Each structure stands twice: as C-alpha cells, then as structure tokens.
Protein backbone atom coordinates (compact mmCIF):
# COMPACT_ATOMS: atom_id res chain seq x y z
CA MET A 1 -0.35 5.10 57.46
CA HIS A 2 -0.11 1.44 56.57
CA ASN A 3 -1.66 -0.34 53.61
CA LEU A 4 -5.10 -1.52 54.82
CA GLN A 5 -5.18 -4.53 52.48
CA SER A 6 -1.83 -5.70 53.80
CA ILE A 7 -2.95 -5.26 57.40
CA SER A 8 -6.19 -7.15 56.75
CA LEU A 9 -4.33 -10.02 55.11
CA ARG A 10 -1.77 -10.23 57.94
CA GLU A 11 -4.60 -10.08 60.50
CA ALA A 12 -6.44 -12.92 58.77
CA VAL A 13 -3.34 -15.09 58.69
CA LEU A 14 -2.05 -14.25 62.19
CA SER A 15 -5.44 -14.61 63.87
CA THR A 16 -6.09 -18.11 62.55
CA LYS A 17 -5.57 -21.19 64.70
CA ARG A 18 -5.38 -23.78 61.95
CA ALA A 19 -3.37 -26.93 62.61
CA LYS A 20 -0.92 -26.41 59.74
CA ILE A 21 -0.01 -22.81 60.58
CA TYR A 22 2.74 -21.95 63.04
CA THR A 23 2.71 -18.44 64.47
CA VAL A 24 5.81 -16.59 65.71
CA ALA A 25 4.86 -14.46 68.70
CA ILE A 26 6.31 -12.62 71.65
CA GLU A 27 5.52 -14.15 75.01
CA PRO A 28 2.03 -13.07 76.08
CA PHE A 29 1.44 -11.15 79.28
CA GLU A 30 -1.42 -9.88 81.40
CA ILE A 31 -2.56 -6.30 81.06
CA LYS A 32 -5.41 -4.48 82.81
CA LYS A 33 -8.54 -4.22 80.70
CA SER A 34 -8.76 -0.52 81.58
CA GLU A 35 -5.27 0.07 80.12
CA VAL A 36 -6.31 -1.60 76.86
CA GLN A 37 -9.39 0.64 76.64
CA LYS A 38 -7.25 3.78 77.12
CA MET A 39 -4.51 2.70 74.68
CA GLN A 40 -3.47 5.36 72.14
CA VAL A 41 -0.83 5.87 69.46
CA GLY A 42 2.53 6.62 71.06
CA ASP A 43 1.78 4.80 74.34
CA LEU A 44 4.49 2.56 75.80
CA ILE A 45 3.63 -0.81 77.31
CA GLU A 46 6.32 -2.16 79.59
CA LEU A 47 7.54 -5.69 78.82
CA GLY A 48 10.15 -5.93 81.58
CA THR A 49 13.90 -5.73 81.90
CA GLN A 50 14.66 -9.07 80.21
CA ARG A 51 14.52 -9.53 76.45
CA PRO A 52 11.05 -10.95 75.66
CA GLN A 53 10.87 -14.65 74.79
CA ILE A 54 9.79 -15.66 71.31
CA TYR A 55 7.35 -18.57 71.13
CA ILE A 56 6.01 -20.65 68.28
CA TYR A 57 2.28 -21.43 68.46
CA ARG A 58 0.10 -23.94 66.65
CA ASN A 59 -3.64 -24.11 67.31
CA GLY A 60 -3.18 -21.54 70.10
CA ILE A 61 -0.75 -23.81 72.00
CA VAL A 62 2.97 -23.15 72.47
CA VAL A 63 4.94 -25.79 70.58
CA GLY A 64 8.41 -24.23 70.56
CA GLN A 65 10.79 -21.43 71.46
CA ALA A 66 12.97 -19.24 69.26
CA LYS A 67 15.51 -16.42 69.42
CA LEU A 68 15.10 -13.25 67.39
CA GLY A 69 18.07 -11.72 65.60
CA LEU A 70 19.51 -10.65 62.25
CA ASP A 71 20.77 -12.81 59.40
CA GLU A 72 22.42 -10.90 56.54
CA ASN A 73 20.80 -7.68 57.87
CA GLN A 74 17.32 -9.22 57.73
CA GLU A 75 15.18 -10.10 60.75
CA ALA A 76 15.31 -13.83 61.46
CA ILE A 77 14.54 -16.40 64.12
CA MET A 78 16.41 -19.50 65.18
CA ILE A 79 14.31 -22.34 66.60
CA ASN A 80 15.77 -23.21 70.03
CA ALA A 81 13.46 -25.94 71.21
CA LYS A 82 10.33 -27.88 70.45
CA GLU A 83 8.17 -28.16 73.51
CA ARG A 84 4.48 -28.26 74.16
CA ILE A 85 3.02 -25.95 76.79
CA VAL A 86 -0.67 -26.70 77.02
CA ASN A 87 -1.80 -24.99 80.20
CA GLN A 88 -0.87 -21.33 80.02
CA GLY A 89 -3.42 -20.34 82.64
CA LYS A 90 -6.18 -17.79 82.65
CA PRO A 91 -5.73 -14.10 83.39
CA LYS A 92 -6.76 -12.64 86.74
CA ALA A 93 -10.04 -10.76 87.05
CA LYS A 94 -9.88 -7.31 85.41
CA TYR A 95 -6.96 -8.46 83.24
CA MET A 96 -6.62 -9.86 79.73
CA ILE A 97 -3.83 -11.57 77.81
CA LEU A 98 -2.01 -9.37 75.29
CA GLU A 99 -0.21 -11.23 72.50
CA GLY A 100 2.30 -9.74 70.08
CA ARG A 101 2.20 -11.79 66.88
CA ILE A 102 5.06 -11.32 64.45
CA ALA A 103 4.76 -13.71 61.50
CA ILE A 104 3.82 -17.18 60.36
CA LEU A 105 6.27 -20.02 59.97
CA LYS A 106 6.12 -22.82 57.41
CA LYS A 107 5.94 -26.33 58.82
CA GLY A 108 9.24 -27.21 57.13
CA ASP A 109 10.97 -24.29 58.91
CA PHE A 110 9.98 -25.56 62.35
CA VAL A 111 13.21 -27.47 62.92
CA VAL A 112 15.42 -27.03 65.99
CA GLY A 113 18.57 -25.10 65.05
CA LYS A 114 17.17 -23.77 61.77
CA ILE A 115 17.48 -20.06 61.03
CA THR A 116 14.49 -18.64 59.17
CA LYS A 117 14.28 -15.12 57.77
CA LEU A 118 11.12 -13.19 58.58
CA PRO A 119 9.24 -10.94 56.16
CA SER A 120 10.73 -7.45 56.22
CA GLY A 121 9.08 -5.13 58.73
CA SER A 122 7.63 -7.97 60.82
CA VAL A 123 9.25 -6.78 64.03
CA GLU A 124 8.34 -3.17 63.33
CA ASN A 125 4.69 -4.03 62.73
CA ILE A 126 3.88 -6.42 65.56
CA MET A 127 0.18 -7.14 65.71
CA LEU A 128 -1.18 -6.88 69.25
CA PHE A 129 -4.12 -9.19 69.92
CA ALA A 130 -6.33 -9.49 73.01
CA ASN A 131 -9.04 -12.17 73.10
CA ASP A 132 -8.12 -12.99 69.47
CA LYS A 133 -9.09 -9.46 68.41
CA LEU A 134 -6.53 -7.22 66.68
CA LEU A 135 -6.06 -4.04 68.72
CA ALA A 136 -2.99 -2.27 67.40
CA LEU A 137 0.30 -2.32 65.53
CA ALA A 138 3.38 -1.87 67.69
CA LYS A 139 7.15 -2.05 67.63
CA ILE A 140 9.56 -3.10 70.34
CA LEU A 141 11.80 -0.47 71.88
CA ARG A 142 14.60 -0.86 74.37
CA ASP A 143 16.16 1.63 76.75
CA LYS A 144 18.24 1.42 79.91
CA ASN A 145 15.14 0.48 81.94
CA GLY A 146 13.94 -2.40 79.77
CA TYR A 147 11.80 -3.37 76.80
CA TYR A 148 8.53 -1.79 75.64
CA TYR A 149 5.86 -2.03 72.98
CA ARG A 150 5.29 1.39 71.42
CA ILE A 151 1.84 1.68 69.88
CA GLU A 152 2.26 2.80 66.26
CA GLU A 153 -1.35 2.54 65.09
CA MET A 154 -4.71 1.65 66.65
CA LEU A 155 -6.94 -0.61 64.58
C-alpha cells in the first residue's frame, strides 16, 4: 500500500498543465474504453515490442524526447531532442488515450544532452492517466515478447 498523501501530491503535480512545468511521460497510446473499465491489479497492458519512447510535455503538448536509463544506480533521463508536436490526433471511437506519467522536470533541466536524475521509485510508480484522470499506478515490465505496464494499484 502506498502513502496516500504522497500519491495525492504526485497526482496534483503530474496532472497539471501549467506553462512552467515539464512532465516526463511514456508515449501515450490508444486503449479500448472497455479494457480501462475492467482494469484490475495485476493486469498487464501490452506496450509493444520496442522500448517505449519517453516524451517531455508542457501544457499538454510534446516539446521534447528523452531516453530513460541509470546514472550511478539511480533512474535518470537524458534529453535527446527539443521538438514541438502539436497535433497528436484524437483517439478512435470506443478508445481513449492512456498516458504513463513519470515525473516533473525543472525548466533548467530541459537542455539537450543533459542527464537528469529522477526521484527514486518514479519508474516503479508510473501514474496512468486517461482523460486527465488518474486511474492506476503501474510499473514497466519486459519479457521476450515485449514491454508491458503491470497494474500495481487502482486509484
């Protein structure tokens, strides 16, 4: 069981779309609304065979890309590119966009080539949002078939 105050604070910060806050997130994808309604602890959500992209958002718009890794045994990201992707499209009927938000990034850390350490546990407590509503906490797993979110806790 996670600390509810900590979860509420992270949710408040990661759900905001203020101009000065950069959000580190896993590339969003479409998921059937019926699958979201049936989601339970322990479920696996397939992300594909390729390592998921990490994006940097500001005001709900992609403004950069990053790579996830370790720096001195702590989770970190390296900013790969600054780019603005405005039109991400709308989901098909009966689908919604699922976003995995990891952490926030200070404006000064949003520099191409810079390595920034993430708060401990960020990748093990990914907040899954749909329609800007927090649904669950998840972690990323990998096996021979690809990458998955495993639902750790429903909120």
